[in-house]
Amino acid sequence: MAKSEWRTAEVRYDVGVDDVTAFILAGGHSSRMGSDKALLTVGNQTLLERALHTAAAVANTVFIAGQRDRYAQYGDVVEDVFPDCGPLGGIHAALCITRTELNLMLAVDTPSVGPDFLSWLLEQARASSELVVVPEALGGLQPLAAVYHRSLRAVAEQALRRGDYKIGHLFSLAPTRYISEAEIHAAGFSPMLFRNVNTFGEYEDLVQKEDALRVRGNAE
């Protein structure tokens, strides 16, 4: 699907979409999968196309953080300033080019994270003065389904320069709003939406579940 197609097909939610930029983090090595996760197909979309559709529902501007020669056909791409530094390199690159204060980071391999949850997450970020708004679920933080203020760029760059690539270490260095699993439940969302697709078995399981849902929906 060409990048113009997902833009014209996007669905808008009744939220402010001009004050946020969304970034799809697609630059991982996919070592456990054995192939590029972003380009795996579920239904009639790649995981990357699904993530782009999802993000476009809550943000007017959406970028792909990854390799331009691999993903340029799908949308606008921002490449790492500090290559081979993991997801933190993608977050830093995103904060280098953004023009908005709020910046949504979304991993390409979390296909269950939908627009409803992201809309709610952005509401929490708009109501918060902290520089990061990050969910805490499934026994840990979810920094790749989180909102970062533009000013966190300096903190991220300092971490990259000293060779500290763990995103979680940033949160002790900047004001951070942690969204608990209880809050996520209370808002009507399941923490299971953060489950990602790391292995081929997990990918096959996702395809089978979605095929079953599609068949059930057609039958009804």
C-alpha atoms as a PDB file:
ATOM      1  CA  MET A   1       0.000   0.000   0.000  1.00  0.00           C
ATOM      2  CA  ALA A   2       1.441   3.384  -0.993  1.00  0.00           C
ATOM      3  CA  LYS A   3       1.776   6.076   1.638  1.00  0.00           C
ATOM      4  CA  SER A   4      -0.925   8.228   0.030  1.00  0.00           C
ATOM      5  CA  GLU A   5      -3.412   5.373   0.413  1.00  0.00           C
ATOM      6  CA  TRP A   6      -3.163   5.024   4.170  1.00  0.00           C
ATOM      7  CA  ARG A   7      -3.423   8.777   4.580  1.00  0.00           C
ATOM      8  CA  THR A   8      -6.646   9.036   2.605  1.00  0.00           C
ATOM      9  CA  ALA A   9      -8.084   5.985   4.345  1.00  0.00           C
ATOM     10  CA  GLU A  10      -7.484   7.272   7.871  1.00  0.00           C
ATOM     11  CA  VAL A  11     -10.285   7.628  10.403  1.00  0.00           C
ATOM     12  CA  ARG A  12     -10.396  10.637  12.684  1.00  0.00           C
ATOM     13  CA  TYR A  13     -11.414  10.474  16.327  1.00  0.00           C
ATOM     14  CA  ASP A  14     -12.978  13.388  18.183  1.00  0.00           C
ATOM     15  CA  VAL A  15      -9.723  14.510  19.736  1.00  0.00           C
ATOM     16  CA  GLY A  16      -7.220  17.248  19.019  1.00  0.00           C
ATOM     17  CA  VAL A  17      -4.844  15.788  16.455  1.00  0.00           C
ATOM     18  CA  ASP A  18      -2.819  18.879  15.566  1.00  0.00           C
ATOM     19  CA  ASP A  19      -0.851  19.017  18.827  1.00  0.00           C
ATOM     20  CA  VAL A  20       0.738  15.593  18.502  1.00  0.00           C
ATOM     21  CA  THR A  21       3.106  13.817  16.113  1.00  0.00           C
ATOM     22  CA  ALA A  22       3.114  10.019  15.962  1.00  0.00           C
ATOM     23  CA  PHE A  23       6.136   7.859  15.216  1.00  0.00           C
ATOM     24  CA  ILE A  24       6.031   4.182  14.311  1.00  0.00           C
ATOM     25  CA  LEU A  25       9.212   2.519  15.557  1.00  0.00           C
ATOM     26  CA  ALA A  26      10.029   0.006  12.834  1.00  0.00           C
ATOM     27  CA  GLY A  27      13.797  -0.140  12.997  1.00  0.00           C
ATOM     28  CA  GLY A  28      14.387  -3.317  14.994  1.00  0.00           C
ATOM     29  CA  HIS A  29      16.507  -6.204  13.747  1.00  0.00           C
ATOM     30  CA  SER A  30      13.677  -8.757  14.218  1.00  0.00           C
ATOM     31  CA  SER A  31      16.326 -11.337  15.162  1.00  0.00           C
ATOM     32  CA  ARG A  32      13.871 -13.698  16.873  1.00  0.00           C
ATOM     33  CA  MET A  33      11.428 -13.506  13.970  1.00  0.00           C
ATOM     34  CA  GLY A  34      13.950 -14.219  11.253  1.00  0.00           C
ATOM     35  CA  SER A  35      12.459 -11.597   8.915  1.00  0.00           C
ATOM     36  CA  ASP A  36      11.371  -7.974   9.099  1.00  0.00           C
ATOM     37  CA  LYS A  37       8.364  -7.870  11.460  1.00  0.00           C
ATOM     38  CA  ALA A  38       7.166  -4.575  10.037  1.00  0.00           C
ATOM     39  CA  LEU A  39       6.477  -6.186   6.661  1.00  0.00           C
ATOM     40  CA  LEU A  40       4.651  -9.278   7.912  1.00  0.00           C
ATOM     41  CA  THR A  41       1.099  -9.444   6.574  1.00  0.00           C
ATOM     42  CA  VAL A  42      -2.007  -9.840   8.720  1.00  0.00           C
ATOM     43  CA  GLY A  43      -5.203  -9.834   6.675  1.00  0.00           C
ATOM     44  CA  ASN A  44      -4.623  -7.401   3.824  1.00  0.00           C
ATOM     45  CA  GLN A  45      -2.112  -5.200   5.673  1.00  0.00           C
ATOM     46  CA  THR A  46       1.453  -5.381   6.857  1.00  0.00           C
ATOM     47  CA  LEU A  47       2.029  -4.702  10.538  1.00  0.00           C
ATOM     48  CA  LEU A  48       3.555  -1.388   9.477  1.00  0.00           C
ATOM     49  CA  GLU A  49       0.474  -0.380   7.493  1.00  0.00           C
ATOM     50  CA  ARG A  50      -1.768  -1.299  10.411  1.00  0.00           C
ATOM     51  CA  ALA A  51       0.317   0.800  12.798  1.00  0.00           C
ATOM     52  CA  LEU A  52       0.229   3.734  10.373  1.00  0.00           C
ATOM     53  CA  HIS A  53      -3.577   3.540  10.140  1.00  0.00           C
ATOM     54  CA  THR A  54      -3.835   3.372  13.910  1.00  0.00           C
ATOM     55  CA  ALA A  55      -1.559   6.352  14.477  1.00  0.00           C
ATOM     56  CA  ALA A  56      -3.217   8.416  11.744  1.00  0.00           C
ATOM     57  CA  ALA A  57      -6.490   8.208  13.666  1.00  0.00           C
ATOM     58  CA  VAL A  58      -5.034  10.258  16.522  1.00  0.00           C
ATOM     59  CA  ALA A  59      -2.348  12.426  14.886  1.00  0.00           C
ATOM     60  CA  ASN A  60      -2.279  14.562  11.765  1.00  0.00           C
ATOM     61  CA  THR A  61       1.431  13.892  11.270  1.00  0.00           C
ATOM     62  CA  VAL A  62       2.863  10.380  11.288  1.00  0.00           C
ATOM     63  CA  PHE A  63       6.452   9.291  10.659  1.00  0.00           C
ATOM     64  CA  ILE A  64       8.176   5.938  10.452  1.00  0.00           C
ATOM     65  CA  ALA A  65      11.349   5.678  12.542  1.00  0.00           C
ATOM     66  CA  GLY A  66      13.573   3.283  10.642  1.00  0.00           C
ATOM     67  CA  GLN A  67      15.559   2.828   7.454  1.00  0.00           C
ATOM     68  CA  ARG A  68      14.503   5.055   4.580  1.00  0.00           C
ATOM     69  CA  ASP A  69      15.506   2.610   1.859  1.00  0.00           C
ATOM     70  CA  ARG A  70      13.298  -0.063   3.438  1.00  0.00           C
ATOM     71  CA  TYR A  71      10.192   1.904   4.444  1.00  0.00           C
ATOM     72  CA  ALA A  72       9.985   5.059   2.291  1.00  0.00           C
ATOM     73  CA  GLN A  73       7.231   3.561   0.107  1.00  0.00           C
ATOM     74  CA  TYR A  74       4.960   3.431   3.170  1.00  0.00           C
ATOM     75  CA  GLY A  75       5.373   6.975   4.472  1.00  0.00           C
ATOM     76  CA  ASP A  76       7.743   9.676   5.665  1.00  0.00           C
ATOM     77  CA  VAL A  77      10.790   8.195   7.369  1.00  0.00           C
ATOM     78  CA  VAL A  78      13.161   9.568  10.003  1.00  0.00           C
ATOM     79  CA  GLU A  79      16.475   7.753  10.394  1.00  0.00           C
ATOM     80  CA  ASP A  80      18.533   7.408  13.561  1.00  0.00           C
ATOM     81  CA  VAL A  81      21.134  10.050  14.351  1.00  0.00           C
ATOM     82  CA  PHE A  82      22.811   7.423  16.544  1.00  0.00           C
ATOM     83  CA  PRO A  83      22.542   4.151  14.549  1.00  0.00           C
ATOM     84  CA  ASP A  84      22.341   0.708  16.129  1.00  0.00           C
ATOM     85  CA  CYS A  85      21.328   1.984  19.560  1.00  0.00           C
ATOM     86  CA  GLY A  86      17.970   0.243  19.751  1.00  0.00           C
ATOM     87  CA  PRO A  87      14.585   1.918  20.202  1.00  0.00           C
ATOM     88  CA  LEU A  88      16.118   4.810  22.135  1.00  0.00           C
ATOM     89  CA  GLY A  89      17.885   5.834  18.923  1.00  0.00           C
ATOM     90  CA  GLY A  90      14.524   5.976  17.167  1.00  0.00           C
ATOM     91  CA  ILE A  91      12.921   8.001  19.959  1.00  0.00           C
ATOM     92  CA  HIS A  92      15.817  10.461  19.911  1.00  0.00           C
ATOM     93  CA  ALA A  93      15.632  10.825  16.112  1.00  0.00           C
ATOM     94  CA  ALA A  94      11.897  11.459  16.398  1.00  0.00           C
ATOM     95  CA  LEU A  95      12.369  14.163  19.024  1.00  0.00           C
ATOM     96  CA  CYS A  96      15.019  15.793  16.824  1.00  0.00           C
ATOM     97  CA  ILE A  97      12.596  16.452  13.962  1.00  0.00           C
ATOM     98  CA  THR A  98       9.228  16.903  15.659  1.00  0.00           C
ATOM     99  CA  ARG A  99       7.466  20.258  15.670  1.00  0.00           C
ATOM    100  CA  THR A 100       4.922  19.371  18.334  1.00  0.00           C
ATOM    101  CA  GLU A 101       5.284  19.211  22.096  1.00  0.00           C
ATOM    102  CA  LEU A 102       3.532  15.845  22.390  1.00  0.00           C
ATOM    103  CA  ASN A 103       5.003  12.878  20.543  1.00  0.00           C
ATOM    104  CA  LEU A 104       3.446   9.438  20.476  1.00  0.00           C
ATOM    105  CA  MET A 105       5.850   6.517  20.103  1.00  0.00           C
ATOM    106  CA  LEU A 106       4.336   3.228  18.945  1.00  0.00           C
ATOM    107  CA  ALA A 107       6.161  -0.034  18.241  1.00  0.00           C
ATOM    108  CA  VAL A 108       5.281  -1.661  14.944  1.00  0.00           C
ATOM    109  CA  ASP A 109       4.919  -5.072  16.606  1.00  0.00           C
ATOM    110  CA  THR A 110       2.044  -4.232  18.996  1.00  0.00           C
ATOM    111  CA  PRO A 111      -0.915  -4.723  16.631  1.00  0.00           C
ATOM    112  CA  SER A 112      -3.504  -4.875  19.426  1.00  0.00           C
ATOM    113  CA  VAL A 113      -2.893  -1.269  20.453  1.00  0.00           C
ATOM    114  CA  GLY A 114      -5.750   0.583  18.771  1.00  0.00           C
ATOM    115  CA  PRO A 115      -6.901   4.176  18.263  1.00  0.00           C
ATOM    116  CA  ASP A 116      -9.261   4.116  21.246  1.00  0.00           C
ATOM    117  CA  PHE A 117      -6.444   3.371  23.656  1.00  0.00           C
ATOM    118  CA  LEU A 118      -4.083   5.868  22.021  1.00  0.00           C
ATOM    119  CA  SER A 119      -6.751   8.559  22.172  1.00  0.00           C
ATOM    120  CA  TRP A 120      -7.167   7.891  25.896  1.00  0.00           C
ATOM    121  CA  LEU A 121      -3.392   7.852  26.420  1.00  0.00           C
ATOM    122  CA  LEU A 122      -3.068  11.225  24.722  1.00  0.00           C
ATOM    123  CA  GLU A 123      -5.803  12.619  26.952  1.00  0.00           C
ATOM    124  CA  GLN A 124      -3.675  11.631  29.946  1.00  0.00           C
ATOM    125  CA  ALA A 125      -0.650  13.312  28.375  1.00  0.00           C
ATOM    126  CA  ARG A 126      -2.540  16.535  27.654  1.00  0.00           C
ATOM    127  CA  ALA A 127      -3.662  16.670  31.276  1.00  0.00           C
ATOM    128  CA  SER A 128      -0.144  16.027  32.612  1.00  0.00           C
ATOM    129  CA  SER A 129       2.806  18.348  33.107  1.00  0.00           C
ATOM    130  CA  GLU A 130       5.355  15.492  33.086  1.00  0.00           C
ATOM    131  CA  LEU A 131       7.753  15.037  30.174  1.00  0.00           C
ATOM    132  CA  VAL A 132       6.866  11.363  29.698  1.00  0.00           C
ATOM    133  CA  VAL A 133       3.568   9.518  30.037  1.00  0.00           C
ATOM    134  CA  VAL A 134       4.181   5.775  30.042  1.00  0.00           C
ATOM    135  CA  PRO A 135       1.859   2.836  30.769  1.00  0.00           C
ATOM    136  CA  GLU A 136       2.911   0.190  33.248  1.00  0.00           C
ATOM    137  CA  ALA A 137       1.397  -3.223  32.473  1.00  0.00           C
ATOM    138  CA  LEU A 138       2.191  -6.923  32.058  1.00  0.00           C
ATOM    139  CA  GLY A 139       4.810  -6.646  34.780  1.00  0.00           C
ATOM    140  CA  GLY A 140       6.775  -3.746  33.333  1.00  0.00           C
ATOM    141  CA  LEU A 141       6.838  -0.385  31.619  1.00  0.00           C
ATOM    142  CA  GLN A 142       5.592   0.007  28.045  1.00  0.00           C
ATOM    143  CA  PRO A 143       7.882   2.751  26.668  1.00  0.00           C
ATOM    144  CA  LEU A 144       6.997   1.954  23.043  1.00  0.00           C
ATOM    145  CA  ALA A 145       3.346   2.852  23.540  1.00  0.00           C
ATOM    146  CA  ALA A 146       4.007   6.112  25.334  1.00  0.00           C
ATOM    147  CA  VAL A 147       4.023   9.895  24.914  1.00  0.00           C
ATOM    148  CA  TYR A 148       7.211  11.975  25.080  1.00  0.00           C
ATOM    149  CA  HIS A 149       7.593  15.743  25.229  1.00  0.00           C
ATOM    150  CA  ARG A 150       9.931  17.295  22.708  1.00  0.00           C
ATOM    151  CA  SER A 151      12.215  18.642  25.449  1.00  0.00           C
ATOM    152  CA  LEU A 152      13.184  15.080  26.418  1.00  0.00           C
ATOM    153  CA  ARG A 153      15.461  15.070  23.386  1.00  0.00           C
ATOM    154  CA  ALA A 154      18.406  16.447  25.405  1.00  0.00           C
ATOM    155  CA  VAL A 155      18.069  13.742  28.061  1.00  0.00           C
ATOM    156  CA  ALA A 156      17.875  11.041  25.388  1.00  0.00           C
ATOM    157  CA  GLU A 157      20.920  12.393  23.575  1.00  0.00           C
ATOM    158  CA  GLN A 158      22.989  12.481  26.745  1.00  0.00           C
ATOM    159  CA  ALA A 159      22.077   8.849  27.426  1.00  0.00           C
ATOM    160  CA  LEU A 160      23.027   7.791  23.895  1.00  0.00           C
ATOM    161  CA  ARG A 161      26.368   9.605  24.087  1.00  0.00           C
ATOM    162  CA  ARG A 162      27.302   7.792  27.285  1.00  0.00           C
ATOM    163  CA  GLY A 163      26.240   4.432  25.824  1.00  0.00           C
ATOM    164  CA  ASP A 164      23.163   3.917  27.993  1.00  0.00           C
ATOM    165  CA  TYR A 165      20.543   2.618  25.559  1.00  0.00           C
ATOM    166  CA  LYS A 166      17.879   1.481  28.047  1.00  0.00           C
ATOM    167  CA  ILE A 167      14.783   3.650  27.623  1.00  0.00           C
ATOM    168  CA  GLY A 168      13.642   2.951  31.170  1.00  0.00           C
ATOM    169  CA  HIS A 169      16.713   4.712  32.562  1.00  0.00           C
ATOM    170  CA  LEU A 170      15.417   8.011  31.139  1.00  0.00           C
ATOM    171  CA  PHE A 171      12.408   8.008  33.407  1.00  0.00           C
ATOM    172  CA  SER A 172      14.460   8.583  36.551  1.00  0.00           C
ATOM    173  CA  LEU A 173      16.068  11.601  34.853  1.00  0.00           C
ATOM    174  CA  ALA A 174      12.891  13.431  33.826  1.00  0.00           C
ATOM    175  CA  PRO A 175       9.430  14.020  35.316  1.00  0.00           C
ATOM    176  CA  THR A 176       7.409  10.942  34.361  1.00  0.00           C
ATOM    177  CA  ARG A 177       3.731  10.071  34.705  1.00  0.00           C
ATOM    178  CA  TYR A 178       3.282   6.337  35.167  1.00  0.00           C
ATOM    179  CA  ILE A 179      -0.122   4.977  34.178  1.00  0.00           C
ATOM    180  CA  SER A 180      -0.851   1.922  36.281  1.00  0.00           C
ATOM    181  CA  GLU A 181      -2.426  -1.282  35.099  1.00  0.00           C
ATOM    182  CA  ALA A 182      -5.362  -0.525  37.412  1.00  0.00           C
ATOM    183  CA  GLU A 183      -5.939   2.783  35.586  1.00  0.00           C
ATOM    184  CA  ILE A 184      -5.815   1.002  32.250  1.00  0.00           C
ATOM    185  CA  HIS A 185      -8.389  -1.519  33.463  1.00  0.00           C
ATOM    186  CA  ALA A 186     -10.590   1.252  34.887  1.00  0.00           C
ATOM    187  CA  ALA A 187     -10.565   3.024  31.528  1.00  0.00           C
ATOM    188  CA  GLY A 188     -11.931  -0.125  29.891  1.00  0.00           C
ATOM    189  CA  PHE A 189      -8.761  -1.501  28.281  1.00  0.00           C
ATOM    190  CA  SER A 190      -7.026  -4.839  28.689  1.00  0.00           C
ATOM    191  CA  PRO A 191      -3.306  -4.820  29.493  1.00  0.00           C
ATOM    192  CA  MET A 192      -3.022  -7.660  26.977  1.00  0.00           C
ATOM    193  CA  LEU A 193      -3.120  -5.080  24.192  1.00  0.00           C
ATOM    194  CA  PHE A 194       0.592  -4.497  24.868  1.00  0.00           C
ATOM    195  CA  ARG A 195       1.529  -8.044  23.845  1.00  0.00           C
ATOM    196  CA  ASN A 196       3.927  -7.833  20.948  1.00  0.00           C
ATOM    197  CA  VAL A 197       4.835 -10.145  18.079  1.00  0.00           C
ATOM    198  CA  ASN A 198       8.426 -11.274  18.518  1.00  0.00           C
ATOM    199  CA  THR A 199       8.518 -14.816  17.174  1.00  0.00           C
ATOM    200  CA  PHE A 200       7.083 -16.603  14.166  1.00  0.00           C
ATOM    201  CA  GLY A 201       4.887 -18.649  16.505  1.00  0.00           C
ATOM    202  CA  GLU A 202       3.389 -15.465  17.956  1.00  0.00           C
ATOM    203  CA  TYR A 203       2.829 -14.183  14.422  1.00  0.00           C
ATOM    204  CA  GLU A 204       1.048 -17.401  13.393  1.00  0.00           C
ATOM    205  CA  ASP A 205      -1.110 -17.187  16.515  1.00  0.00           C
ATOM    206  CA  LEU A 206      -2.088 -13.602  15.642  1.00  0.00           C
ATOM    207  CA  VAL A 207      -2.999 -14.552  12.064  1.00  0.00           C
ATOM    208  CA  GLN A 208      -5.115 -17.498  13.214  1.00  0.00           C
ATOM    209  CA  LYS A 209      -6.996 -15.412  15.779  1.00  0.00           C
ATOM    210  CA  GLU A 210      -7.701 -12.631  13.312  1.00  0.00           C
ATOM    211  CA  ASP A 211      -8.791 -15.080  10.628  1.00  0.00           C
ATOM    212  CA  ALA A 212     -11.206 -16.649  13.125  1.00  0.00           C
ATOM    213  CA  LEU A 213     -12.607 -13.237  14.057  1.00  0.00           C
ATOM    214  CA  ARG A 214     -13.007 -12.354  10.382  1.00  0.00           C
ATOM    215  CA  VAL A 215     -14.874 -15.597   9.646  1.00  0.00           C
ATOM    216  CA  ARG A 216     -17.108 -15.061  12.674  1.00  0.00           C
ATOM    217  CA  GLY A 217     -17.824 -11.485  11.618  1.00  0.00           C
ATOM    218  CA  ASN A 218     -18.757 -12.571   8.077  1.00  0.00           C
ATOM    219  CA  ALA A 219     -21.062 -15.259   9.463  1.00  0.00           C
ATOM    220  CA  GLU A 220     -22.914 -12.740  11.581  1.00  0.00           C
END
